[in-house]
Amino acid sequence: MGLPREARLGGRRQIREVCRRGRRVALGWALLWWLPNSGGGARLAVQVPRRVGGAVVRNRLRRRLQEQFRAGWAGLRPVDLVLRLSPAEPAAAELGTVWDLLCQRAGLWREARCGR
């Protein structure tokens, strides 16, 4: 199941705009750009390069990251996000931790998150 339409950052133009005008934070194998939006919630685009692996591997990573985003969507400020992975394939257990740390470093949570 994909992200709902209102949670997707659509189109090349929007992604380029976030990467050009937005701020960024890097952590290990992930790079996150964000730009505040005037909409009602956060929107996400995930970029996984071909060097990470075949289509099955790339899509699995994309789906897992989208699931992490979906789980915390209500707690995020209204921003447009572009998450780009580096060619090093992360372990599945790292995905949630790195996602939370990236959002925490960027100050994207509406309130402080304890215990994660």
N, C-alpha and C. Protein backbone atom coordinates (compact mmCIF):
# COMPACT_ATOMS: atom_id res chain seq x y z
N MET A 1 0.83 -1.17 0.00
CA MET A 1 0.00 0.00 0.00
C MET A 1 0.88 1.24 0.00
N GLY A 2 0.66 2.13 -0.95
CA GLY A 2 1.47 3.34 -1.07
C GLY A 2 1.00 4.43 -0.12
N LEU A 3 1.71 5.51 -0.16
CA LEU A 3 1.33 6.65 0.66
C LEU A 3 0.06 7.29 0.10
N PRO A 4 -0.77 7.87 0.96
CA PRO A 4 -1.93 8.60 0.45
C PRO A 4 -1.47 9.78 -0.41
N ARG A 5 -2.29 10.18 -1.34
CA ARG A 5 -1.92 11.25 -2.27
C ARG A 5 -1.49 12.53 -1.56
N GLU A 6 -2.16 12.88 -0.47
CA GLU A 6 -1.81 14.12 0.23
C GLU A 6 -0.48 14.03 0.97
N ALA A 7 0.08 12.83 1.10
CA ALA A 7 1.35 12.65 1.78
C ALA A 7 2.52 12.48 0.81
N ARG A 8 2.23 12.52 -0.49
CA ARG A 8 3.29 12.33 -1.50
C ARG A 8 3.73 13.67 -2.07
N LEU A 9 5.01 13.80 -2.21
CA LEU A 9 5.58 14.94 -2.91
C LEU A 9 5.66 14.53 -4.37
N GLY A 10 4.90 15.17 -5.21
CA GLY A 10 4.79 14.69 -6.58
C GLY A 10 5.54 15.55 -7.56
N GLY A 11 6.17 14.89 -8.48
CA GLY A 11 6.77 15.59 -9.59
C GLY A 11 8.21 16.01 -9.37
N ARG A 12 8.89 16.00 -10.47
CA ARG A 12 10.30 16.35 -10.49
C ARG A 12 10.53 17.80 -10.07
N ARG A 13 9.64 18.67 -10.51
CA ARG A 13 9.79 20.10 -10.22
C ARG A 13 9.74 20.36 -8.70
N GLN A 14 8.80 19.73 -8.02
CA GLN A 14 8.69 19.92 -6.57
C GLN A 14 9.90 19.36 -5.84
N ILE A 15 10.38 18.21 -6.28
CA ILE A 15 11.55 17.60 -5.64
C ILE A 15 12.77 18.49 -5.83
N ARG A 16 12.96 19.00 -7.04
CA ARG A 16 14.08 19.90 -7.31
C ARG A 16 14.00 21.16 -6.46
N GLU A 17 12.80 21.68 -6.30
CA GLU A 17 12.60 22.90 -5.51
C GLU A 17 12.99 22.67 -4.04
N VAL A 18 12.58 21.54 -3.49
CA VAL A 18 12.93 21.22 -2.09
C VAL A 18 14.45 21.07 -1.96
N CYS A 19 15.09 20.39 -2.90
CA CYS A 19 16.55 20.20 -2.82
C CYS A 19 17.30 21.51 -3.04
N ARG A 20 16.76 22.40 -3.85
CA ARG A 20 17.44 23.66 -4.15
C ARG A 20 17.25 24.68 -3.02
N ARG A 21 16.03 24.85 -2.53
CA ARG A 21 15.72 25.89 -1.56
C ARG A 21 15.70 25.40 -0.12
N GLY A 22 15.60 24.10 0.09
CA GLY A 22 15.43 23.57 1.43
C GLY A 22 16.73 23.43 2.20
N ARG A 23 16.58 23.06 3.44
CA ARG A 23 17.72 22.76 4.30
C ARG A 23 17.95 21.27 4.27
N ARG A 24 19.12 20.83 4.72
CA ARG A 24 19.40 19.40 4.69
C ARG A 24 20.17 18.95 5.91
N VAL A 25 20.03 17.65 6.15
CA VAL A 25 20.76 17.00 7.23
C VAL A 25 21.15 15.62 6.72
N ALA A 26 22.36 15.18 7.06
CA ALA A 26 22.86 13.88 6.62
C ALA A 26 23.16 13.02 7.84
N LEU A 27 22.96 11.73 7.67
CA LEU A 27 23.25 10.79 8.73
C LEU A 27 23.59 9.45 8.09
N GLY A 28 24.86 9.08 8.13
CA GLY A 28 25.27 7.81 7.57
C GLY A 28 24.94 7.69 6.10
N TRP A 29 24.05 6.79 5.78
CA TRP A 29 23.70 6.49 4.39
C TRP A 29 22.48 7.26 3.89
N ALA A 30 21.99 8.22 4.66
CA ALA A 30 20.78 8.94 4.28
C ALA A 30 21.00 10.45 4.31
N LEU A 31 20.34 11.13 3.37
CA LEU A 31 20.38 12.58 3.27
C LEU A 31 18.95 13.07 3.17
N LEU A 32 18.57 14.00 4.05
CA LEU A 32 17.20 14.49 4.10
C LEU A 32 17.17 15.99 3.85
N TRP A 33 16.39 16.41 2.85
CA TRP A 33 16.12 17.82 2.60
C TRP A 33 14.72 18.12 3.07
N TRP A 34 14.48 19.32 3.60
CA TRP A 34 13.14 19.71 4.00
C TRP A 34 12.93 21.18 3.72
N LEU A 35 11.68 21.50 3.42
CA LEU A 35 11.26 22.86 3.13
C LEU A 35 9.85 23.03 3.67
N PRO A 36 9.61 24.02 4.53
CA PRO A 36 8.25 24.20 5.05
C PRO A 36 7.24 24.42 3.92
N ASN A 37 6.04 23.90 4.09
CA ASN A 37 4.99 24.10 3.10
C ASN A 37 3.79 24.76 3.75
N SER A 38 2.88 25.23 2.93
CA SER A 38 1.70 25.91 3.45
C SER A 38 0.51 24.96 3.55
N GLY A 39 0.72 23.71 3.19
CA GLY A 39 -0.36 22.72 3.23
C GLY A 39 -0.64 22.25 4.64
N GLY A 40 -1.49 21.24 4.73
CA GLY A 40 -1.92 20.75 6.02
C GLY A 40 -1.00 19.74 6.67
N GLY A 41 -0.07 19.17 5.93
CA GLY A 41 0.76 18.14 6.52
C GLY A 41 2.06 17.93 5.77
N ALA A 42 2.83 16.97 6.23
CA ALA A 42 4.11 16.66 5.62
C ALA A 42 3.91 15.83 4.35
N ARG A 43 4.81 16.04 3.39
CA ARG A 43 4.80 15.26 2.15
C ARG A 43 6.21 14.72 1.92
N LEU A 44 6.31 13.52 1.35
CA LEU A 44 7.59 12.83 1.24
C LEU A 44 7.84 12.33 -0.17
N ALA A 45 9.11 12.38 -0.58
CA ALA A 45 9.60 11.71 -1.78
C ALA A 45 10.87 10.96 -1.36
N VAL A 46 10.97 9.69 -1.74
CA VAL A 46 12.12 8.87 -1.41
C VAL A 46 12.86 8.55 -2.70
N GLN A 47 14.18 8.78 -2.70
CA GLN A 47 15.02 8.50 -3.86
C GLN A 47 16.03 7.43 -3.48
N VAL A 48 16.02 6.33 -4.23
CA VAL A 48 16.95 5.24 -3.98
C VAL A 48 17.70 4.99 -5.28
N PRO A 49 19.03 5.20 -5.32
CA PRO A 49 19.79 5.03 -6.56
C PRO A 49 19.90 3.57 -6.98
N ARG A 50 20.12 3.35 -8.25
CA ARG A 50 20.25 1.99 -8.79
C ARG A 50 21.43 1.23 -8.21
N ARG A 51 22.44 1.95 -7.77
CA ARG A 51 23.62 1.28 -7.22
C ARG A 51 23.32 0.57 -5.90
N VAL A 52 22.20 0.88 -5.27
CA VAL A 52 21.82 0.19 -4.03
C VAL A 52 21.52 -1.27 -4.31
N GLY A 53 20.92 -1.57 -5.45
CA GLY A 53 20.59 -2.94 -5.78
C GLY A 53 19.56 -2.99 -6.89
N GLY A 54 19.02 -4.16 -7.08
CA GLY A 54 18.00 -4.34 -8.09
C GLY A 54 16.68 -3.68 -7.70
N ALA A 55 15.72 -3.77 -8.60
CA ALA A 55 14.43 -3.12 -8.38
C ALA A 55 13.74 -3.63 -7.12
N VAL A 56 13.87 -4.92 -6.86
CA VAL A 56 13.21 -5.49 -5.68
C VAL A 56 13.78 -4.89 -4.40
N VAL A 57 15.09 -4.77 -4.33
CA VAL A 57 15.76 -4.22 -3.15
C VAL A 57 15.40 -2.74 -2.99
N ARG A 58 15.48 -1.99 -4.08
CA ARG A 58 15.17 -0.56 -4.02
C ARG A 58 13.73 -0.31 -3.60
N ASN A 59 12.79 -1.06 -4.16
CA ASN A 59 11.39 -0.87 -3.82
C ASN A 59 11.10 -1.29 -2.39
N ARG A 60 11.76 -2.32 -1.92
CA ARG A 60 11.58 -2.75 -0.52
C ARG A 60 12.03 -1.65 0.43
N LEU A 61 13.20 -1.06 0.16
CA LEU A 61 13.68 0.04 0.99
C LEU A 61 12.72 1.22 0.93
N ARG A 62 12.26 1.56 -0.25
CA ARG A 62 11.33 2.68 -0.41
C ARG A 62 10.05 2.44 0.39
N ARG A 63 9.51 1.23 0.30
CA ARG A 63 8.28 0.91 1.04
C ARG A 63 8.49 0.97 2.55
N ARG A 64 9.62 0.47 3.01
CA ARG A 64 9.89 0.49 4.46
C ARG A 64 10.04 1.92 4.97
N LEU A 65 10.71 2.76 4.21
CA LEU A 65 10.86 4.16 4.61
C LEU A 65 9.52 4.89 4.56
N GLN A 66 8.71 4.58 3.57
CA GLN A 66 7.38 5.19 3.50
C GLN A 66 6.53 4.75 4.68
N GLU A 67 6.70 3.53 5.11
CA GLU A 67 5.95 3.04 6.27
C GLU A 67 6.39 3.77 7.55
N GLN A 68 7.70 4.01 7.69
CA GLN A 68 8.18 4.80 8.83
C GLN A 68 7.59 6.19 8.80
N PHE A 69 7.54 6.79 7.63
CA PHE A 69 6.94 8.12 7.46
C PHE A 69 5.47 8.09 7.81
N ARG A 70 4.75 7.10 7.31
CA ARG A 70 3.31 6.98 7.57
C ARG A 70 3.02 6.83 9.06
N ALA A 71 3.86 6.07 9.75
CA ALA A 71 3.65 5.84 11.18
C ALA A 71 3.77 7.13 12.00
N GLY A 72 4.64 8.05 11.58
CA GLY A 72 4.83 9.28 12.33
C GLY A 72 4.31 10.52 11.63
N TRP A 73 3.51 10.32 10.59
CA TRP A 73 3.05 11.43 9.75
C TRP A 73 2.33 12.52 10.54
N ALA A 74 1.45 12.13 11.45
CA ALA A 74 0.68 13.11 12.21
C ALA A 74 1.56 13.94 13.14
N GLY A 75 2.71 13.40 13.54
CA GLY A 75 3.59 14.12 14.45
C GLY A 75 4.58 15.05 13.79
N LEU A 76 4.59 15.10 12.45
CA LEU A 76 5.54 15.95 11.74
C LEU A 76 4.94 17.33 11.46
N ARG A 77 5.80 18.31 11.43
CA ARG A 77 5.39 19.65 11.04
C ARG A 77 5.02 19.64 9.55
N PRO A 78 4.29 20.64 9.05
CA PRO A 78 3.96 20.68 7.61
C PRO A 78 5.20 21.07 6.79
N VAL A 79 5.87 20.07 6.25
CA VAL A 79 7.08 20.26 5.46
C VAL A 79 7.04 19.34 4.26
N ASP A 80 7.80 19.71 3.24
CA ASP A 80 8.06 18.83 2.11
C ASP A 80 9.42 18.19 2.35
N LEU A 81 9.48 16.87 2.23
CA LEU A 81 10.70 16.12 2.54
C LEU A 81 11.17 15.35 1.32
N VAL A 82 12.49 15.34 1.09
CA VAL A 82 13.10 14.49 0.08
C VAL A 82 14.17 13.69 0.81
N LEU A 83 14.03 12.39 0.80
CA LEU A 83 14.97 11.48 1.46
C LEU A 83 15.72 10.73 0.38
N ARG A 84 17.04 10.90 0.34
CA ARG A 84 17.86 10.22 -0.65
C ARG A 84 18.83 9.28 0.06
N LEU A 85 18.88 8.05 -0.39
CA LEU A 85 19.77 7.06 0.20
C LEU A 85 21.07 7.00 -0.57
N SER A 86 22.15 6.66 0.11
CA SER A 86 23.43 6.48 -0.55
C SER A 86 23.51 5.03 -1.05
N PRO A 87 24.49 4.73 -1.88
CA PRO A 87 24.59 3.37 -2.43
C PRO A 87 24.78 2.26 -1.41
N ALA A 88 25.21 2.57 -0.20
CA ALA A 88 25.36 1.52 0.81
C ALA A 88 23.99 1.11 1.31
N GLU A 89 23.66 -0.17 1.17
CA GLU A 89 22.33 -0.64 1.59
C GLU A 89 22.28 -0.76 3.11
N PRO A 90 21.34 -0.10 3.75
CA PRO A 90 21.22 -0.18 5.21
C PRO A 90 20.55 -1.48 5.64
N ALA A 91 20.81 -1.86 6.88
CA ALA A 91 20.11 -3.01 7.45
C ALA A 91 18.68 -2.59 7.76
N ALA A 92 17.76 -3.52 7.68
CA ALA A 92 16.34 -3.22 7.91
C ALA A 92 16.10 -2.64 9.31
N ALA A 93 16.87 -3.09 10.29
CA ALA A 93 16.68 -2.60 11.66
C ALA A 93 17.09 -1.14 11.82
N GLU A 94 17.98 -0.66 10.94
CA GLU A 94 18.46 0.72 11.03
C GLU A 94 17.46 1.74 10.49
N LEU A 95 16.55 1.32 9.64
CA LEU A 95 15.68 2.26 8.94
C LEU A 95 14.89 3.16 9.88
N GLY A 96 14.22 2.56 10.84
CA GLY A 96 13.41 3.35 11.76
C GLY A 96 14.24 4.27 12.63
N THR A 97 15.37 3.79 13.10
CA THR A 97 16.24 4.59 13.95
C THR A 97 16.79 5.79 13.20
N VAL A 98 17.27 5.56 11.99
CA VAL A 98 17.85 6.65 11.20
C VAL A 98 16.78 7.65 10.82
N TRP A 99 15.58 7.19 10.47
CA TRP A 99 14.49 8.10 10.13
C TRP A 99 14.17 9.01 11.31
N ASP A 100 14.04 8.43 12.51
CA ASP A 100 13.75 9.23 13.70
C ASP A 100 14.87 10.22 14.01
N LEU A 101 16.12 9.77 13.87
CA LEU A 101 17.25 10.66 14.14
C LEU A 101 17.32 11.81 13.14
N LEU A 102 17.07 11.53 11.87
CA LEU A 102 17.07 12.59 10.86
C LEU A 102 16.01 13.64 11.18
N CYS A 103 14.81 13.19 11.49
CA CYS A 103 13.72 14.12 11.80
C CYS A 103 14.01 14.89 13.08
N GLN A 104 14.62 14.24 14.04
CA GLN A 104 14.95 14.90 15.31
C GLN A 104 16.02 15.96 15.08
N ARG A 105 17.07 15.64 14.33
CA ARG A 105 18.13 16.61 14.05
C ARG A 105 17.61 17.81 13.27
N ALA A 106 16.67 17.56 12.38
CA ALA A 106 16.11 18.64 11.57
C ALA A 106 15.05 19.43 12.34
N GLY A 107 14.60 18.93 13.48
CA GLY A 107 13.58 19.62 14.26
C GLY A 107 12.20 19.55 13.61
N LEU A 108 11.88 18.43 13.01
CA LEU A 108 10.64 18.29 12.26
C LEU A 108 9.47 17.77 13.09
N TRP A 109 9.73 17.25 14.28
CA TRP A 109 8.63 16.74 15.10
C TRP A 109 7.89 17.91 15.73
N ARG A 110 6.58 17.81 15.81
CA ARG A 110 5.76 18.86 16.42
C ARG A 110 6.06 19.00 17.91
N GLU A 111 6.34 17.88 18.57
CA GLU A 111 6.65 17.88 20.00
C GLU A 111 7.82 16.94 20.22
N ALA A 112 8.48 17.08 21.35
CA ALA A 112 9.63 16.24 21.66
C ALA A 112 9.20 14.79 21.76
N ARG A 113 10.00 13.91 21.18
CA ARG A 113 9.68 12.48 21.22
C ARG A 113 10.64 11.83 22.20
N CYS A 114 10.10 11.21 23.22
CA CYS A 114 10.89 10.56 24.24
C CYS A 114 10.84 9.05 24.04
N GLY A 115 11.93 8.40 24.36
CA GLY A 115 11.95 6.95 24.34
C GLY A 115 12.19 6.33 22.98
N ARG A 116 12.51 7.12 21.97
CA ARG A 116 12.77 6.54 20.65
C ARG A 116 14.15 6.88 20.19
